[in-house]
Amino acid sequence: MAGPLKAVENGYFRAFNFSGRASRSEFWWFSIYYAIVCGLLFIDLYKSGTLFWWFFALNIIPNLSLQVRRLHDIGKSGFWLLLCFVPFGSFVLLFFYITPSNARDNRWGPPPNGGNQRWGNGSSSNSAYAALMRVPDVSGATSEELEDARRREIQEYYKTRVLGKTV
């Protein structure tokens, strides 16, 4: 899941990248940012300013690329954007934008941020927890040593698999 700052950063740094995928959170965080800035600059437009038009013109390409990448994320081609020229086509596009991401690879690449699978191989959290709680085959160790070793192993597992940090 992309946060607001990462979404805006990806929106601008990947502005000319019309391939690949954009997650739902990345799309909506950038859309909220864009709406807020346009709203603030619209006040300037009311006072006969031109900042709104400059911002709008400079953000056409980043918005288009983000919309195309969002459509790729749900398995649709970027040509579906042409629906905005058809009556009620914007509602279809809105439905596509709120549709959850495909959790598997598609022809535009792997899912952004690892997809919806928290445990990497698609297993449920219960089976991952059961794998963590297996009893090690160690002879001659005290129960405190085993407990400390398991606690460290679980902490490392949590850091790498859940938080995504490297140990």
C-alpha atoms as a PDB file:
ATOM      1  CA  MET A   1       0.000   0.000   0.000  1.00  0.00           C
ATOM      2  CA  ALA A   2       1.460   3.313  -1.064  1.00  0.00           C
ATOM      3  CA  GLY A   3       1.295   6.233   1.330  1.00  0.00           C
ATOM      4  CA  PRO A   4       0.454   9.783   0.268  1.00  0.00           C
ATOM      5  CA  LEU A   5       4.031  10.981  -0.181  1.00  0.00           C
ATOM      6  CA  LYS A   6       5.107   7.854  -2.075  1.00  0.00           C
ATOM      7  CA  ALA A   7       2.042   8.112  -4.319  1.00  0.00           C
ATOM      8  CA  VAL A   8       2.782  11.725  -5.283  1.00  0.00           C
ATOM      9  CA  GLU A   9       6.448  10.870  -5.787  1.00  0.00           C
ATOM     10  CA  ASN A  10       5.562   7.923  -8.055  1.00  0.00           C
ATOM     11  CA  GLY A  11       3.047  10.060  -9.911  1.00  0.00           C
ATOM     12  CA  TYR A  12       5.703  12.550 -10.927  1.00  0.00           C
ATOM     13  CA  PHE A  13       8.789  10.338 -11.241  1.00  0.00           C
ATOM     14  CA  ARG A  14       6.907   7.798 -13.345  1.00  0.00           C
ATOM     15  CA  ALA A  15       5.033  10.450 -15.342  1.00  0.00           C
ATOM     16  CA  PHE A  16       6.258   9.276 -18.741  1.00  0.00           C
ATOM     17  CA  ASN A  17       6.014   5.586 -17.888  1.00  0.00           C
ATOM     18  CA  PHE A  18       2.815   4.256 -19.412  1.00  0.00           C
ATOM     19  CA  SER A  19       3.748   0.630 -18.776  1.00  0.00           C
ATOM     20  CA  GLY A  20       3.608  -1.195 -15.497  1.00  0.00           C
ATOM     21  CA  ARG A  21       1.013  -1.015 -12.774  1.00  0.00           C
ATOM     22  CA  ALA A  22      -0.210   1.463 -10.155  1.00  0.00           C
ATOM     23  CA  SER A  23      -1.943   0.265  -7.011  1.00  0.00           C
ATOM     24  CA  ARG A  24      -5.350   1.506  -5.969  1.00  0.00           C
ATOM     25  CA  SER A  25      -3.909   3.410  -3.009  1.00  0.00           C
ATOM     26  CA  GLU A  26      -1.274   5.076  -5.206  1.00  0.00           C
ATOM     27  CA  PHE A  27      -3.952   6.196  -7.647  1.00  0.00           C
ATOM     28  CA  TRP A  28      -6.328   7.565  -5.012  1.00  0.00           C
ATOM     29  CA  TRP A  29      -3.653   9.326  -2.930  1.00  0.00           C
ATOM     30  CA  PHE A  30      -2.427  11.111  -6.048  1.00  0.00           C
ATOM     31  CA  SER A  31      -6.020  11.972  -6.983  1.00  0.00           C
ATOM     32  CA  ILE A  32      -6.670  13.471  -3.543  1.00  0.00           C
ATOM     33  CA  TYR A  33      -3.444  15.482  -3.757  1.00  0.00           C
ATOM     34  CA  TYR A  34      -4.386  16.707  -7.237  1.00  0.00           C
ATOM     35  CA  ALA A  35      -7.919  17.692  -6.132  1.00  0.00           C
ATOM     36  CA  ILE A  36      -6.640  19.618  -3.100  1.00  0.00           C
ATOM     37  CA  VAL A  37      -4.039  21.545  -5.072  1.00  0.00           C
ATOM     38  CA  CYS A  38      -6.518  22.294  -7.864  1.00  0.00           C
ATOM     39  CA  GLY A  39      -9.020  23.507  -5.283  1.00  0.00           C
ATOM     40  CA  LEU A  40      -6.468  25.827  -3.715  1.00  0.00           C
ATOM     41  CA  LEU A  41      -5.300  27.131  -7.067  1.00  0.00           C
ATOM     42  CA  PHE A  42      -8.870  27.648  -8.204  1.00  0.00           C
ATOM     43  CA  ILE A  43      -9.098  30.374  -5.576  1.00  0.00           C
ATOM     44  CA  ASP A  44      -6.164  32.033  -7.336  1.00  0.00           C
ATOM     45  CA  LEU A  45      -8.016  31.675 -10.644  1.00  0.00           C
ATOM     46  CA  TYR A  46     -10.952  33.538  -9.123  1.00  0.00           C
ATOM     47  CA  LYS A  47      -8.540  36.417  -8.449  1.00  0.00           C
ATOM     48  CA  SER A  48      -7.524  36.394 -12.141  1.00  0.00           C
ATOM     49  CA  GLY A  49      -4.402  34.276 -11.583  1.00  0.00           C
ATOM     50  CA  THR A  50      -2.998  31.717 -13.979  1.00  0.00           C
ATOM     51  CA  LEU A  51      -1.463  29.250 -11.530  1.00  0.00           C
ATOM     52  CA  PHE A  52      -4.411  26.883 -11.910  1.00  0.00           C
ATOM     53  CA  TRP A  53      -3.975  26.631 -15.673  1.00  0.00           C
ATOM     54  CA  TRP A  54      -0.222  26.084 -15.359  1.00  0.00           C
ATOM     55  CA  PHE A  55      -0.708  23.343 -12.775  1.00  0.00           C
ATOM     56  CA  PHE A  56      -3.428  21.722 -14.889  1.00  0.00           C
ATOM     57  CA  ALA A  57      -1.280  21.796 -18.037  1.00  0.00           C
ATOM     58  CA  LEU A  58       1.817  20.442 -16.297  1.00  0.00           C
ATOM     59  CA  ASN A  59      -0.129  17.565 -14.745  1.00  0.00           C
ATOM     60  CA  ILE A  60      -1.901  16.214 -17.839  1.00  0.00           C
ATOM     61  CA  ILE A  61       0.811  13.648 -18.608  1.00  0.00           C
ATOM     62  CA  PRO A  62       1.284  12.422 -14.992  1.00  0.00           C
ATOM     63  CA  ASN A  63      -2.500  11.994 -14.635  1.00  0.00           C
ATOM     64  CA  LEU A  64      -2.816  10.098 -17.912  1.00  0.00           C
ATOM     65  CA  SER A  65       0.086   7.782 -17.120  1.00  0.00           C
ATOM     66  CA  LEU A  66      -1.273   7.076 -13.651  1.00  0.00           C
ATOM     67  CA  GLN A  67      -4.725   6.286 -15.039  1.00  0.00           C
ATOM     68  CA  VAL A  68      -3.236   3.960 -17.657  1.00  0.00           C
ATOM     69  CA  ARG A  69      -1.112   2.180 -15.036  1.00  0.00           C
ATOM     70  CA  ARG A  70      -4.174   1.844 -12.776  1.00  0.00           C
ATOM     71  CA  LEU A  71      -6.107   0.223 -15.620  1.00  0.00           C
ATOM     72  CA  HIS A  72      -3.150  -2.106 -16.193  1.00  0.00           C
ATOM     73  CA  ASP A  73      -3.308  -3.068 -12.524  1.00  0.00           C
ATOM     74  CA  ILE A  74      -6.799  -4.506 -12.924  1.00  0.00           C
ATOM     75  CA  GLY A  75      -5.929  -6.207 -16.222  1.00  0.00           C
ATOM     76  CA  LYS A  76      -7.362  -3.650 -18.659  1.00  0.00           C
ATOM     77  CA  SER A  77      -5.659  -1.915 -21.540  1.00  0.00           C
ATOM     78  CA  GLY A  78      -4.975   1.813 -21.426  1.00  0.00           C
ATOM     79  CA  PHE A  79      -7.321   2.276 -24.368  1.00  0.00           C
ATOM     80  CA  TRP A  80     -10.205   1.942 -21.914  1.00  0.00           C
ATOM     81  CA  LEU A  81      -9.518   5.618 -21.106  1.00  0.00           C
ATOM     82  CA  LEU A  82     -11.346   6.460 -24.320  1.00  0.00           C
ATOM     83  CA  LEU A  83     -14.550   5.639 -22.447  1.00  0.00           C
ATOM     84  CA  CYS A  84     -14.459   9.154 -21.020  1.00  0.00           C
ATOM     85  CA  PHE A  85     -15.665  10.384 -24.443  1.00  0.00           C
ATOM     86  CA  VAL A  86     -18.742   8.122 -24.314  1.00  0.00           C
ATOM     87  CA  PRO A  87     -21.844   9.063 -22.305  1.00  0.00           C
ATOM     88  CA  PHE A  88     -21.651   7.455 -18.848  1.00  0.00           C
ATOM     89  CA  GLY A  89     -18.167   6.161 -19.687  1.00  0.00           C
ATOM     90  CA  SER A  90     -16.742   8.084 -16.749  1.00  0.00           C
ATOM     91  CA  PHE A  91     -18.850   5.967 -14.404  1.00  0.00           C
ATOM     92  CA  VAL A  92     -17.381   2.813 -15.913  1.00  0.00           C
ATOM     93  CA  LEU A  93     -13.889   4.237 -15.445  1.00  0.00           C
ATOM     94  CA  LEU A  94     -14.723   5.138 -11.841  1.00  0.00           C
ATOM     95  CA  PHE A  95     -15.801   1.535 -11.292  1.00  0.00           C
ATOM     96  CA  PHE A  96     -12.482   0.352 -12.772  1.00  0.00           C
ATOM     97  CA  TYR A  97     -10.531   2.722 -10.521  1.00  0.00           C
ATOM     98  CA  ILE A  98     -12.183   1.399  -7.354  1.00  0.00           C
ATOM     99  CA  THR A  99     -11.814  -2.246  -8.385  1.00  0.00           C
ATOM    100  CA  PRO A 100      -9.209  -4.122  -6.286  1.00  0.00           C
ATOM    101  CA  SER A 101      -5.865  -4.943  -7.859  1.00  0.00           C
ATOM    102  CA  ASN A 102      -5.143  -8.301  -9.440  1.00  0.00           C
ATOM    103  CA  ALA A 103      -3.047 -10.200  -6.916  1.00  0.00           C
ATOM    104  CA  ARG A 104      -1.213 -12.162  -9.616  1.00  0.00           C
ATOM    105  CA  ASP A 105       1.155 -11.144 -12.373  1.00  0.00           C
ATOM    106  CA  ASN A 106      -0.454  -9.982 -15.575  1.00  0.00           C
ATOM    107  CA  ARG A 107       0.970  -8.907 -18.921  1.00  0.00           C
ATOM    108  CA  TRP A 108       1.990  -5.527 -17.453  1.00  0.00           C
ATOM    109  CA  GLY A 109       4.116  -7.029 -14.705  1.00  0.00           C
ATOM    110  CA  PRO A 110       3.958  -8.146 -11.093  1.00  0.00           C
ATOM    111  CA  PRO A 111       1.561  -6.515  -8.649  1.00  0.00           C
ATOM    112  CA  PRO A 112       2.822  -3.292  -7.089  1.00  0.00           C
ATOM    113  CA  ASN A 113       4.033  -3.614  -3.482  1.00  0.00           C
ATOM    114  CA  GLY A 114       3.852  -7.409  -3.641  1.00  0.00           C
ATOM    115  CA  GLY A 115       0.132  -7.521  -4.304  1.00  0.00           C
ATOM    116  CA  ASN A 116      -2.515  -8.388  -1.760  1.00  0.00           C
ATOM    117  CA  GLN A 117      -0.681 -11.434  -0.469  1.00  0.00           C
ATOM    118  CA  ARG A 118       0.801 -10.664   2.908  1.00  0.00           C
ATOM    119  CA  TRP A 119       2.805 -13.878   3.315  1.00  0.00           C
ATOM    120  CA  GLY A 120       4.429 -13.964  -0.107  1.00  0.00           C
ATOM    121  CA  ASN A 121       3.444 -17.469  -1.197  1.00  0.00           C
ATOM    122  CA  GLY A 122      -0.299 -16.986  -0.826  1.00  0.00           C
ATOM    123  CA  SER A 123      -0.692 -19.004   2.355  1.00  0.00           C
ATOM    124  CA  SER A 124      -2.997 -17.734   5.042  1.00  0.00           C
ATOM    125  CA  SER A 125      -1.773 -16.093   8.215  1.00  0.00           C
ATOM    126  CA  ASN A 126      -2.769 -19.163  10.229  1.00  0.00           C
ATOM    127  CA  SER A 127      -0.534 -21.481   8.233  1.00  0.00           C
ATOM    128  CA  ALA A 128       2.350 -18.980   8.412  1.00  0.00           C
ATOM    129  CA  TYR A 129       1.940 -18.781  12.168  1.00  0.00           C
ATOM    130  CA  ALA A 130       1.827 -22.584  12.379  1.00  0.00           C
ATOM    131  CA  ALA A 131       5.085 -22.745  10.433  1.00  0.00           C
ATOM    132  CA  LEU A 132       6.649 -20.332  12.900  1.00  0.00           C
ATOM    133  CA  MET A 133       5.510 -22.333  15.898  1.00  0.00           C
ATOM    134  CA  ARG A 134       7.022 -25.648  14.778  1.00  0.00           C
ATOM    135  CA  VAL A 135       9.073 -27.320  17.471  1.00  0.00           C
ATOM    136  CA  PRO A 136      12.807 -27.344  16.699  1.00  0.00           C
ATOM    137  CA  ASP A 137      14.722 -30.581  17.073  1.00  0.00           C
ATOM    138  CA  VAL A 138      17.423 -29.525  19.510  1.00  0.00           C
ATOM    139  CA  SER A 139      18.729 -31.870  22.156  1.00  0.00           C
ATOM    140  CA  GLY A 140      20.452 -30.666  25.310  1.00  0.00           C
ATOM    141  CA  ALA A 141      19.102 -27.093  25.192  1.00  0.00           C
ATOM    142  CA  THR A 142      17.161 -25.610  28.053  1.00  0.00           C
ATOM    143  CA  SER A 143      13.626 -24.399  27.590  1.00  0.00           C
ATOM    144  CA  GLU A 144      14.719 -20.764  28.117  1.00  0.00           C
ATOM    145  CA  GLU A 145      17.330 -21.036  25.372  1.00  0.00           C
ATOM    146  CA  LEU A 146      14.775 -22.537  22.989  1.00  0.00           C
ATOM    147  CA  GLU A 147      12.249 -19.859  23.871  1.00  0.00           C
ATOM    148  CA  ASP A 148      14.778 -17.062  23.291  1.00  0.00           C
ATOM    149  CA  ALA A 149      15.862 -18.577  19.984  1.00  0.00           C
ATOM    150  CA  ARG A 150      12.228 -18.863  18.829  1.00  0.00           C
ATOM    151  CA  ARG A 151      11.498 -15.308  19.924  1.00  0.00           C
ATOM    152  CA  ARG A 152      14.463 -14.003  17.868  1.00  0.00           C
ATOM    153  CA  GLU A 153      13.392 -16.100  14.886  1.00  0.00           C
ATOM    154  CA  ILE A 154       9.839 -14.785  15.063  1.00  0.00           C
ATOM    155  CA  GLN A 155      11.101 -11.191  15.341  1.00  0.00           C
ATOM    156  CA  GLU A 156      13.328 -11.647  12.275  1.00  0.00           C
ATOM    157  CA  TYR A 157      10.469 -13.257  10.377  1.00  0.00           C
ATOM    158  CA  TYR A 158       8.158 -10.391  11.298  1.00  0.00           C
ATOM    159  CA  LYS A 159      10.710  -7.768  10.248  1.00  0.00           C
ATOM    160  CA  THR A 160      11.419  -9.361   6.874  1.00  0.00           C
ATOM    161  CA  ARG A 161       7.989 -10.689   5.851  1.00  0.00           C
ATOM    162  CA  VAL A 162       5.553  -8.269   7.441  1.00  0.00           C
ATOM    163  CA  LEU A 163       7.469  -5.017   7.652  1.00  0.00           C
ATOM    164  CA  GLY A 164       9.600  -5.683   4.568  1.00  0.00           C
ATOM    165  CA  LYS A 165      12.870  -4.735   6.238  1.00  0.00           C
ATOM    166  CA  THR A 166      16.118  -6.498   5.513  1.00  0.00           C
ATOM    167  CA  VAL A 167      17.893  -8.026   8.468  1.00  0.00           C
END
